[in-house]
C-alpha atoms as a PDB file:
ATOM      1  CA  MET A   1     -54.196 -33.894   0.187  1.00  0.00           C
ATOM      2  CA  ASP A   2     -51.283 -32.611   2.135  1.00  0.00           C
ATOM      3  CA  TYR A   3     -51.480 -31.117   5.619  1.00  0.00           C
ATOM      4  CA  LYS A   4     -51.902 -27.509   4.455  1.00  0.00           C
ATOM      5  CA  GLU A   5     -54.784 -28.425   2.122  1.00  0.00           C
ATOM      6  CA  LYS A   6     -56.487 -30.380   4.902  1.00  0.00           C
ATOM      7  CA  VAL A   7     -56.195 -27.423   7.282  1.00  0.00           C
ATOM      8  CA  GLU A   8     -57.644 -25.096   4.631  1.00  0.00           C
ATOM      9  CA  TRP A   9     -60.473 -27.527   3.886  1.00  0.00           C
ATOM     10  CA  LEU A  10     -61.264 -27.894   7.586  1.00  0.00           C
ATOM     11  CA  GLY A  11     -61.290 -24.110   7.940  1.00  0.00           C
ATOM     12  CA  ARG A  12     -63.789 -23.793   5.086  1.00  0.00           C
ATOM     13  CA  TYR A  13     -65.862 -26.610   6.536  1.00  0.00           C
ATOM     14  CA  GLN A  14     -65.928 -24.991   9.974  1.00  0.00           C
ATOM     15  CA  ALA A  15     -66.931 -21.652   8.422  1.00  0.00           C
ATOM     16  CA  SER A  16     -69.773 -23.279   6.504  1.00  0.00           C
ATOM     17  CA  VAL A  17     -70.989 -25.133   9.611  1.00  0.00           C
ATOM     18  CA  SER A  18     -70.918 -21.877  11.586  1.00  0.00           C
ATOM     19  CA  CYS A  19     -72.827 -20.157   8.808  1.00  0.00           C
ATOM     20  CA  GLN A  20     -75.349 -22.986   8.754  1.00  0.00           C
ATOM     21  CA  HIS A  21     -75.927 -22.699  12.513  1.00  0.00           C
ATOM     22  CA  MET A  22     -76.351 -18.941  12.238  1.00  0.00           C
ATOM     23  CA  LEU A  23     -78.857 -19.314   9.399  1.00  0.00           C
ATOM     24  CA  GLU A  24     -80.782 -22.002  11.266  1.00  0.00           C
ATOM     25  CA  GLU A  25     -81.029 -19.720  14.296  1.00  0.00           C
ATOM     26  CA  LYS A  26     -82.232 -16.828  12.151  1.00  0.00           C
ATOM     27  CA  SER A  27     -84.780 -19.080  10.500  1.00  0.00           C
ATOM     28  CA  SER A  28     -86.026 -20.328  13.874  1.00  0.00           C
ATOM     29  CA  ALA A  29     -86.302 -16.772  15.163  1.00  0.00           C
ATOM     30  CA  ALA A  30     -88.282 -15.745  12.076  1.00  0.00           C
ATOM     31  CA  GLN A  31     -90.623 -18.705  12.535  1.00  0.00           C
ATOM     32  CA  ARG A  32     -91.149 -17.793  16.181  1.00  0.00           C
ATOM     33  CA  ARG A  33     -91.941 -14.210  15.199  1.00  0.00           C
ATOM     34  CA  ARG A  34     -94.382 -15.390  12.537  1.00  0.00           C
ATOM     35  CA  ALA A  35     -96.092 -17.662  15.047  1.00  0.00           C
ATOM     36  CA  GLY A  36     -96.420 -14.728  17.458  1.00  0.00           C
ATOM     37  CA  ASP A  37     -97.829 -12.497  14.710  1.00  0.00           C
ATOM     38  CA  GLY A  38    -100.409 -15.170  13.908  1.00  0.00           C
ATOM     39  CA  LEU A  39    -101.606 -15.251  17.501  1.00  0.00           C
ATOM     40  CA  GLN A  40    -102.006 -11.501  17.576  1.00  0.00           C
ATOM     41  CA  ALA A  41    -103.877 -11.461  14.278  1.00  0.00           C
ATOM     42  CA  ALA A  42    -106.266 -14.155  15.509  1.00  0.00           C
ATOM     43  CA  CYS A  43    -107.284 -12.033  18.507  1.00  0.00           C
ATOM     44  CA  PRO A  44    -107.924  -8.484  17.321  1.00  0.00           C
ATOM     45  CA  ALA A  45    -108.616  -6.597  20.523  1.00  0.00           C
ATOM     46  CA  GLN A  46    -107.929  -3.147  19.145  1.00  0.00           C
ATOM     47  CA  ARG A  47    -110.010  -0.746  17.187  1.00  0.00           C
ATOM     48  CA  PRO A  48    -109.094  -0.269  13.506  1.00  0.00           C
ATOM     49  CA  ASN A  49    -105.868   1.615  12.943  1.00  0.00           C
ATOM     50  CA  ALA A  50    -105.124   3.483   9.732  1.00  0.00           C
ATOM     51  CA  ASP A  51    -101.382   2.746  10.090  1.00  0.00           C
ATOM     52  CA  ARG A  52    -101.823  -1.035   9.956  1.00  0.00           C
ATOM     53  CA  LEU A  53    -101.688  -1.367   6.165  1.00  0.00           C
ATOM     54  CA  PRO A  54     -98.493   0.655   5.649  1.00  0.00           C
ATOM     55  CA  ARG A  55     -96.847  -1.202   8.538  1.00  0.00           C
ATOM     56  CA  ALA A  56     -97.907  -4.535   7.034  1.00  0.00           C
ATOM     57  CA  VAL A  57     -96.295  -3.525   3.740  1.00  0.00           C
ATOM     58  CA  GLU A  58     -93.121  -2.563   5.601  1.00  0.00           C
ATOM     59  CA  ARG A  59     -93.038  -5.952   7.350  1.00  0.00           C
ATOM     60  CA  ILE A  60     -93.487  -7.747   4.027  1.00  0.00           C
ATOM     61  CA  GLU A  61     -90.655  -5.756   2.457  1.00  0.00           C
ATOM     62  CA  GLU A  62     -88.414  -6.439   5.459  1.00  0.00           C
ATOM     63  CA  ALA A  63     -89.200 -10.148   5.245  1.00  0.00           C
ATOM     64  CA  GLN A  64     -88.391 -10.160   1.532  1.00  0.00           C
ATOM     65  CA  LYS A  65     -85.039  -8.480   2.211  1.00  0.00           C
ATOM     66  CA  ARG A  66     -84.241 -11.008   4.950  1.00  0.00           C
ATOM     67  CA  LEU A  67     -85.194 -13.830   2.608  1.00  0.00           C
ATOM     68  CA  GLU A  68     -82.867 -12.474  -0.087  1.00  0.00           C
ATOM     69  CA  GLN A  69     -80.055 -12.240   2.464  1.00  0.00           C
ATOM     70  CA  LEU A  70     -80.666 -15.796   3.642  1.00  0.00           C
ATOM     71  CA  GLU A  71     -80.769 -17.094   0.079  1.00  0.00           C
ATOM     72  CA  ALA A  72     -77.468 -15.349  -0.693  1.00  0.00           C
ATOM     73  CA  ALA A  73     -75.900 -16.799   2.452  1.00  0.00           C
ATOM     74  CA  TRP A  74     -77.112 -20.304   1.550  1.00  0.00           C
ATOM     75  CA  LYS A  75     -75.621 -19.902  -1.946  1.00  0.00           C
ATOM     76  CA  ARG A  76     -72.281 -18.923  -0.418  1.00  0.00           C
ATOM     77  CA  ALA A  77     -72.424 -21.870   1.970  1.00  0.00           C
ATOM     78  CA  ARG A  78     -73.228 -24.272  -0.862  1.00  0.00           C
ATOM     79  CA  LYS A  79     -70.333 -22.887  -2.915  1.00  0.00           C
ATOM     80  CA  LEU A  80     -68.005 -23.426   0.043  1.00  0.00           C
ATOM     81  CA  CYS A  81     -69.213 -26.998   0.381  1.00  0.00           C
ATOM     82  CA  ALA A  82     -68.947 -27.645  -3.355  1.00  0.00           C
ATOM     83  CA  ALA A  83     -65.451 -26.163  -3.478  1.00  0.00           C
ATOM     84  CA  SER A  84     -64.211 -28.558  -0.826  1.00  0.00           C
END
């Protein structure tokens, strides 16, 4: 490896590490949100609300979209690592 190749490899490595940190933070935030949702669900202090089911479906769909985005980002990060 010459100097230019090393610099390029280090750039890719740094980008993948940054991506990894970002994804870990997003994952941690999602886990914290899920933990908070669990606490609220365990203590129902409200009367029944007709909008709860549609909102629950929306949250599930949003979570699925976020999961797809995270999976795509992990694939890109793995490709960067494999390419180096």
